[in-house]
Amino acid sequence: MTNLEPAPLHRVITKFVVGFFLLFLPAALLVSCGTKEEAPDGKDADVREFLTRYFSTWSAKDMDGYGACFHEQARISFVHQGAPQSQGLTDFLHGQKLSHATTTVPMTEVPTDMKILRDERTAQASVRWKLTKGTDITLGTDCFTLIKTPAGWKIMSLVFYND
């Protein structure tokens, strides 16, 4: 057989099939490997919306809206140098109000990444955030345990730390 003769049909089909898989299989795998964070089915949309509201009310200095994100029995812990410092809700909210009242520069905190594990009654979320205070930037993580109440999602427990 010379180069001018047509290739046997099985070689043409084999090349086509191999080429198809080499081109389209990686693309199909990338599409199917989406992270849970993308939530293409919208399953976590209500939790994401709640967590976004949590951060936006704090940044807007809406302490009533911010406080409404918490269950009345919530506990808050801050991890500093590996040791937890725990507070009840009243003390924590008072400290947050004081932080805004005493700062000389505006503060905003925005979520940068959310990982959510949930069912119909509870949710756990790990949220990376960025706090901007004037020109200073602090990064950290909030770990939430949420409960679904008749009024919507509420924070039962918050553990947070700075990088």
C-alpha atoms as a PDB file:
ATOM      1  CA  MET A   1       0.000   0.000   0.000  1.00  0.00           C
ATOM      2  CA  THR A   2       1.352   3.434  -0.919  1.00  0.00           C
ATOM      3  CA  ASN A   3       0.589   6.800   0.642  1.00  0.00           C
ATOM      4  CA  LEU A   4      -1.817   7.565  -2.186  1.00  0.00           C
ATOM      5  CA  GLU A   5      -4.075   4.605  -1.450  1.00  0.00           C
ATOM      6  CA  PRO A   6      -7.036   5.193   0.853  1.00  0.00           C
ATOM      7  CA  ALA A   7      -6.664   3.879   4.408  1.00  0.00           C
ATOM      8  CA  PRO A   8      -8.773   0.872   5.338  1.00  0.00           C
ATOM      9  CA  LEU A   9     -12.133   1.829   6.830  1.00  0.00           C
ATOM     10  CA  HIS A  10     -11.309   0.447  10.293  1.00  0.00           C
ATOM     11  CA  ARG A  11      -8.276   2.779  10.574  1.00  0.00           C
ATOM     12  CA  VAL A  12     -10.389   5.810   9.661  1.00  0.00           C
ATOM     13  CA  ILE A  13     -13.023   4.860  12.228  1.00  0.00           C
ATOM     14  CA  THR A  14     -10.389   4.156  14.883  1.00  0.00           C
ATOM     15  CA  LYS A  15      -8.717   7.543  14.310  1.00  0.00           C
ATOM     16  CA  PHE A  16     -12.098   9.281  14.460  1.00  0.00           C
ATOM     17  CA  VAL A  17     -13.101   7.578  17.722  1.00  0.00           C
ATOM     18  CA  VAL A  18      -9.700   8.208  19.350  1.00  0.00           C
ATOM     19  CA  GLY A  19      -9.718  11.827  18.197  1.00  0.00           C
ATOM     20  CA  PHE A  20     -13.246  12.298  19.526  1.00  0.00           C
ATOM     21  CA  PHE A  21     -12.335  11.002  22.970  1.00  0.00           C
ATOM     22  CA  LEU A  22      -9.097  12.961  23.107  1.00  0.00           C
ATOM     23  CA  LEU A  23     -10.897  16.207  22.294  1.00  0.00           C
ATOM     24  CA  PHE A  24     -14.234  15.853  24.042  1.00  0.00           C
ATOM     25  CA  LEU A  25     -13.621  13.588  27.022  1.00  0.00           C
ATOM     26  CA  PRO A  26     -11.419  16.106  28.912  1.00  0.00           C
ATOM     27  CA  ALA A  27     -14.050  18.818  28.351  1.00  0.00           C
ATOM     28  CA  ALA A  28     -16.804  16.518  29.591  1.00  0.00           C
ATOM     29  CA  LEU A  29     -14.776  15.627  32.674  1.00  0.00           C
ATOM     30  CA  LEU A  30     -14.135  19.289  33.494  1.00  0.00           C
ATOM     31  CA  VAL A  31     -17.830  20.078  33.267  1.00  0.00           C
ATOM     32  CA  SER A  32     -18.795  17.110  35.439  1.00  0.00           C
ATOM     33  CA  CYS A  33     -16.168  17.903  38.093  1.00  0.00           C
ATOM     34  CA  GLY A  34     -17.774  21.175  39.186  1.00  0.00           C
ATOM     35  CA  THR A  35     -17.363  21.925  42.867  1.00  0.00           C
ATOM     36  CA  LYS A  36     -20.204  21.838  45.356  1.00  0.00           C
ATOM     37  CA  GLU A  37     -19.727  25.579  45.724  1.00  0.00           C
ATOM     38  CA  GLU A  38     -21.083  26.151  42.251  1.00  0.00           C
ATOM     39  CA  ALA A  39     -24.395  24.572  43.315  1.00  0.00           C
ATOM     40  CA  PRO A  40     -25.690  24.316  39.746  1.00  0.00           C
ATOM     41  CA  ASP A  41     -28.992  22.947  40.985  1.00  0.00           C
ATOM     42  CA  GLY A  42     -29.491  25.888  43.378  1.00  0.00           C
ATOM     43  CA  LYS A  43     -29.839  23.455  46.284  1.00  0.00           C
ATOM     44  CA  ASP A  44     -27.757  25.635  48.610  1.00  0.00           C
ATOM     45  CA  ALA A  45     -29.040  28.988  47.352  1.00  0.00           C
ATOM     46  CA  ASP A  46     -31.032  29.735  50.517  1.00  0.00           C
ATOM     47  CA  VAL A  47     -28.002  29.093  52.753  1.00  0.00           C
ATOM     48  CA  ARG A  48     -25.750  31.189  50.485  1.00  0.00           C
ATOM     49  CA  GLU A  49     -28.281  34.004  50.532  1.00  0.00           C
ATOM     50  CA  PHE A  50     -28.441  33.869  54.335  1.00  0.00           C
ATOM     51  CA  LEU A  51     -24.646  33.903  54.700  1.00  0.00           C
ATOM     52  CA  THR A  52     -24.338  36.773  52.224  1.00  0.00           C
ATOM     53  CA  ARG A  53     -26.899  38.735  54.253  1.00  0.00           C
ATOM     54  CA  TYR A  54     -24.908  37.993  57.420  1.00  0.00           C
ATOM     55  CA  PHE A  55     -21.807  39.644  55.943  1.00  0.00           C
ATOM     56  CA  SER A  56     -23.638  42.515  54.243  1.00  0.00           C
ATOM     57  CA  THR A  57     -25.551  43.560  57.380  1.00  0.00           C
ATOM     58  CA  TRP A  58     -22.318  43.672  59.389  1.00  0.00           C
ATOM     59  CA  SER A  59     -20.555  45.700  56.690  1.00  0.00           C
ATOM     60  CA  ALA A  60     -23.517  48.113  56.496  1.00  0.00           C
ATOM     61  CA  LYS A  61     -23.358  48.579  60.295  1.00  0.00           C
ATOM     62  CA  ASP A  62     -26.915  47.206  60.451  1.00  0.00           C
ATOM     63  CA  MET A  63     -26.448  45.652  63.872  1.00  0.00           C
ATOM     64  CA  ASP A  64     -30.165  44.830  64.235  1.00  0.00           C
ATOM     65  CA  GLY A  65     -30.113  42.918  60.932  1.00  0.00           C
ATOM     66  CA  TYR A  66     -26.808  41.323  61.883  1.00  0.00           C
ATOM     67  CA  GLY A  67     -28.108  40.269  65.298  1.00  0.00           C
ATOM     68  CA  ALA A  68     -31.222  38.784  63.676  1.00  0.00           C
ATOM     69  CA  CYS A  69     -28.969  36.269  61.890  1.00  0.00           C
ATOM     70  CA  PHE A  70     -28.296  34.513  65.208  1.00  0.00           C
ATOM     71  CA  HIS A  71     -30.444  32.061  67.146  1.00  0.00           C
ATOM     72  CA  GLU A  72     -31.092  33.420  70.638  1.00  0.00           C
ATOM     73  CA  GLN A  73     -29.089  30.529  72.148  1.00  0.00           C
ATOM     74  CA  ALA A  74     -26.097  30.911  69.824  1.00  0.00           C
ATOM     75  CA  ARG A  75     -22.539  30.531  71.051  1.00  0.00           C
ATOM     76  CA  ILE A  76     -19.572  32.250  69.439  1.00  0.00           C
ATOM     77  CA  SER A  77     -15.941  31.204  69.695  1.00  0.00           C
ATOM     78  CA  PHE A  78     -12.860  32.984  68.422  1.00  0.00           C
ATOM     79  CA  VAL A  79      -9.743  30.831  68.004  1.00  0.00           C
ATOM     80  CA  HIS A  80      -6.613  32.780  68.906  1.00  0.00           C
ATOM     81  CA  GLN A  81      -3.225  31.034  68.842  1.00  0.00           C
ATOM     82  CA  GLY A  82      -4.965  27.670  69.002  1.00  0.00           C
ATOM     83  CA  ALA A  83      -7.076  28.473  72.060  1.00  0.00           C
ATOM     84  CA  PRO A  84     -10.824  29.140  71.910  1.00  0.00           C
ATOM     85  CA  GLN A  85     -12.301  32.218  73.500  1.00  0.00           C
ATOM     86  CA  SER A  86     -16.044  31.714  73.835  1.00  0.00           C
ATOM     87  CA  GLN A  87     -18.820  34.295  74.256  1.00  0.00           C
ATOM     88  CA  GLY A  88     -22.554  34.344  74.564  1.00  0.00           C
ATOM     89  CA  LEU A  89     -24.568  36.165  71.953  1.00  0.00           C
ATOM     90  CA  THR A  90     -25.222  39.346  73.954  1.00  0.00           C
ATOM     91  CA  ASP A  91     -21.539  39.952  74.700  1.00  0.00           C
ATOM     92  CA  PHE A  92     -20.499  39.138  71.141  1.00  0.00           C
ATOM     93  CA  LEU A  93     -23.040  41.492  69.545  1.00  0.00           C
ATOM     94  CA  HIS A  94     -22.090  44.256  71.986  1.00  0.00           C
ATOM     95  CA  GLY A  95     -18.433  43.834  70.980  1.00  0.00           C
ATOM     96  CA  GLN A  96     -19.343  44.026  67.287  1.00  0.00           C
ATOM     97  CA  LYS A  97     -21.335  47.219  67.845  1.00  0.00           C
ATOM     98  CA  LEU A  98     -18.401  48.737  69.733  1.00  0.00           C
ATOM     99  CA  SER A  99     -15.999  47.789  66.942  1.00  0.00           C
ATOM    100  CA  HIS A 100     -18.030  49.770  64.430  1.00  0.00           C
ATOM    101  CA  ALA A 101     -18.674  52.645  66.845  1.00  0.00           C
ATOM    102  CA  THR A 102     -15.029  53.137  67.795  1.00  0.00           C
ATOM    103  CA  THR A 103     -13.274  52.637  64.455  1.00  0.00           C
ATOM    104  CA  THR A 104     -11.880  55.680  62.691  1.00  0.00           C
ATOM    105  CA  VAL A 105     -12.058  54.035  59.243  1.00  0.00           C
ATOM    106  CA  PRO A 106     -14.866  52.104  57.536  1.00  0.00           C
ATOM    107  CA  MET A 107     -14.840  48.317  57.851  1.00  0.00           C
ATOM    108  CA  THR A 108     -16.277  45.831  55.371  1.00  0.00           C
ATOM    109  CA  GLU A 109     -16.198  42.074  55.426  1.00  0.00           C
ATOM    110  CA  VAL A 110     -17.013  39.990  52.363  1.00  0.00           C
ATOM    111  CA  PRO A 111     -17.169  36.245  51.827  1.00  0.00           C
ATOM    112  CA  THR A 112     -14.610  34.973  49.314  1.00  0.00           C
ATOM    113  CA  ASP A 113     -15.401  31.240  49.344  1.00  0.00           C
ATOM    114  CA  MET A 114     -18.235  29.109  50.758  1.00  0.00           C
ATOM    115  CA  LYS A 115     -18.363  25.379  51.383  1.00  0.00           C
ATOM    116  CA  ILE A 116     -21.755  24.133  52.514  1.00  0.00           C
ATOM    117  CA  LEU A 117     -22.959  20.806  53.897  1.00  0.00           C
ATOM    118  CA  ARG A 118     -26.651  20.712  54.662  1.00  0.00           C
ATOM    119  CA  ASP A 119     -29.899  18.874  54.943  1.00  0.00           C
ATOM    120  CA  GLU A 120     -33.403  20.256  55.385  1.00  0.00           C
ATOM    121  CA  ARG A 121     -33.014  21.155  59.088  1.00  0.00           C
ATOM    122  CA  THR A 122     -29.377  22.083  59.632  1.00  0.00           C
ATOM    123  CA  ALA A 123     -26.356  23.269  57.703  1.00  0.00           C
ATOM    124  CA  GLN A 124     -22.657  23.604  58.277  1.00  0.00           C
ATOM    125  CA  ALA A 125     -20.692  26.153  56.317  1.00  0.00           C
ATOM    126  CA  SER A 126     -17.047  27.095  56.148  1.00  0.00           C
ATOM    127  CA  VAL A 127     -16.711  30.596  54.764  1.00  0.00           C
ATOM    128  CA  ARG A 128     -13.442  32.301  53.897  1.00  0.00           C
ATOM    129  CA  TRP A 129     -13.660  36.077  54.254  1.00  0.00           C
ATOM    130  CA  LYS A 130     -11.747  39.276  53.690  1.00  0.00           C
ATOM    131  CA  LEU A 131     -12.019  42.126  56.184  1.00  0.00           C
ATOM    132  CA  THR A 132     -11.009  45.549  54.904  1.00  0.00           C
ATOM    133  CA  LYS A 133     -10.413  48.227  57.519  1.00  0.00           C
ATOM    134  CA  GLY A 134      -9.122  51.322  55.776  1.00  0.00           C
ATOM    135  CA  THR A 135      -5.997  50.089  54.016  1.00  0.00           C
ATOM    136  CA  ASP A 136      -5.560  47.042  56.287  1.00  0.00           C
ATOM    137  CA  ILE A 137      -6.775  43.670  55.033  1.00  0.00           C
ATOM    138  CA  THR A 138      -7.322  40.640  57.253  1.00  0.00           C
ATOM    139  CA  LEU A 139      -8.241  37.193  55.971  1.00  0.00           C
ATOM    140  CA  GLY A 140      -9.939  34.493  57.969  1.00  0.00           C
ATOM    141  CA  THR A 141     -12.556  31.769  58.216  1.00  0.00           C
ATOM    142  CA  ASP A 142     -15.991  31.513  59.799  1.00  0.00           C
ATOM    143  CA  CYS A 143     -17.320  28.033  60.580  1.00  0.00           C
ATOM    144  CA  PHE A 144     -21.089  28.135  61.005  1.00  0.00           C
ATOM    145  CA  THR A 145     -23.623  25.664  62.315  1.00  0.00           C
ATOM    146  CA  LEU A 146     -27.057  26.796  61.190  1.00  0.00           C
ATOM    147  CA  ILE A 147     -30.581  25.712  62.066  1.00  0.00           C
ATOM    148  CA  LYS A 148     -33.639  26.219  59.903  1.00  0.00           C
ATOM    149  CA  THR A 149     -36.378  27.932  61.899  1.00  0.00           C
ATOM    150  CA  PRO A 150     -39.864  29.082  60.866  1.00  0.00           C
ATOM    151  CA  ALA A 151     -38.276  32.532  60.349  1.00  0.00           C
ATOM    152  CA  GLY A 152     -35.472  31.112  58.156  1.00  0.00           C
ATOM    153  CA  TRP A 153     -31.859  30.111  58.804  1.00  0.00           C
ATOM    154  CA  LYS A 154     -30.255  31.136  62.113  1.00  0.00           C
ATOM    155  CA  ILE A 155     -26.725  30.739  63.442  1.00  0.00           C
ATOM    156  CA  MET A 156     -26.503  28.271  66.330  1.00  0.00           C
ATOM    157  CA  SER A 157     -22.750  28.383  66.565  1.00  0.00           C
ATOM    158  CA  LEU A 158     -19.981  30.424  65.028  1.00  0.00           C
ATOM    159  CA  VAL A 159     -16.290  29.580  65.320  1.00  0.00           C
ATOM    160  CA  PHE A 160     -14.012  32.056  63.611  1.00  0.00           C
ATOM    161  CA  TYR A 161     -10.333  32.826  63.276  1.00  0.00           C
ATOM    162  CA  ASN A 162      -7.929  35.096  61.412  1.00  0.00           C
ATOM    163  CA  ASP A 163      -5.109  33.775  59.286  1.00  0.00           C
END
